[in-house]
Amino acid sequence: MNNVKRNVKQWKTTTLGLIIIIASIASVFIKEIQWSDAVFGIGAGLVLIFSPDTILTKFGNFVK
């Protein structure tokens, strides 16, 4: 239950992760990619769901 509260508080990465997962699954159903390719998007989405929002700030600083 504690993880759910933390994920709601860290809404940016959770939302981004869900969008990536949904886009990966949708791409399979519209025949753009295969399931073996979608696994990478689903995995990246799962990592983002459980990551803190500070990872986006650190990534932004890294890109600059």
Protein backbone atom coordinates (compact mmCIF):
# COMPACT_ATOMS: atom_id res chain seq x y z
CA MET A 1 0.00 0.00 0.00
CA ASN A 2 2.93 2.32 0.69
CA ASN A 3 4.16 1.92 -2.90
CA VAL A 4 0.76 2.97 -4.25
CA LYS A 5 0.83 6.19 -2.22
CA ARG A 6 4.38 6.88 -3.35
CA ASN A 7 3.44 6.28 -7.01
CA VAL A 8 0.51 8.68 -6.74
CA LYS A 9 2.76 11.32 -5.21
CA GLN A 10 5.37 10.79 -7.96
CA TRP A 11 2.79 11.34 -10.70
CA LYS A 12 5.08 12.56 -13.50
CA THR A 13 7.11 9.38 -13.95
CA THR A 14 4.08 7.19 -13.24
CA THR A 15 2.09 8.91 -16.00
CA LEU A 16 5.00 8.76 -18.44
CA GLY A 17 5.48 5.05 -17.67
CA LEU A 18 1.81 4.29 -18.25
CA ILE A 19 1.83 6.20 -21.54
CA ILE A 20 4.86 4.25 -22.76
CA ILE A 21 3.29 0.90 -21.77
CA ILE A 22 -0.02 1.73 -23.46
CA ALA A 23 1.75 2.96 -26.62
CA SER A 24 3.85 -0.22 -26.77
CA ILE A 25 0.81 -2.47 -26.46
CA ALA A 26 -1.18 -0.38 -28.96
CA SER A 27 1.69 -0.63 -31.46
CA VAL A 28 1.47 -4.41 -31.30
CA PHE A 29 -2.24 -4.39 -32.05
CA ILE A 30 -1.92 -2.04 -35.02
CA LYS A 31 0.80 -4.34 -36.36
CA GLU A 32 3.70 -1.89 -36.24
CA ILE A 33 5.86 -4.03 -33.95
CA GLN A 34 5.94 -7.55 -32.53
CA TRP A 35 5.59 -8.54 -28.87
CA SER A 36 9.31 -9.21 -28.66
CA ASP A 37 9.92 -5.55 -29.55
CA ALA A 38 7.16 -4.25 -27.28
CA VAL A 39 8.82 -5.88 -24.26
CA PHE A 40 11.43 -3.11 -24.25
CA GLY A 41 8.77 -0.40 -24.08
CA ILE A 42 6.83 -2.25 -21.41
CA GLY A 43 10.01 -2.72 -19.37
CA ALA A 44 10.92 0.96 -19.68
CA GLY A 45 7.41 1.90 -18.61
CA LEU A 46 7.60 -0.34 -15.55
CA VAL A 47 10.92 1.19 -14.55
CA LEU A 48 9.43 4.68 -14.84
CA ILE A 49 6.36 3.74 -12.80
CA PHE A 50 8.54 2.85 -9.83
CA SER A 51 11.07 5.68 -10.30
CA PRO A 52 10.96 8.95 -8.37
CA ASP A 53 10.24 12.20 -10.22
CA THR A 54 13.75 13.41 -9.44
CA ILE A 55 15.06 11.10 -12.17
CA LEU A 56 13.49 13.47 -14.74
CA THR A 57 15.35 16.42 -13.23
CA LYS A 58 18.61 14.50 -13.23
CA PHE A 59 18.04 13.46 -16.84
CA GLY A 60 17.32 17.07 -17.80
CA ASN A 61 20.58 18.17 -16.17
CA PHE A 62 22.45 15.36 -17.95
CA VAL A 63 21.09 16.38 -21.36
CA LYS A 64 22.08 20.04 -20.92
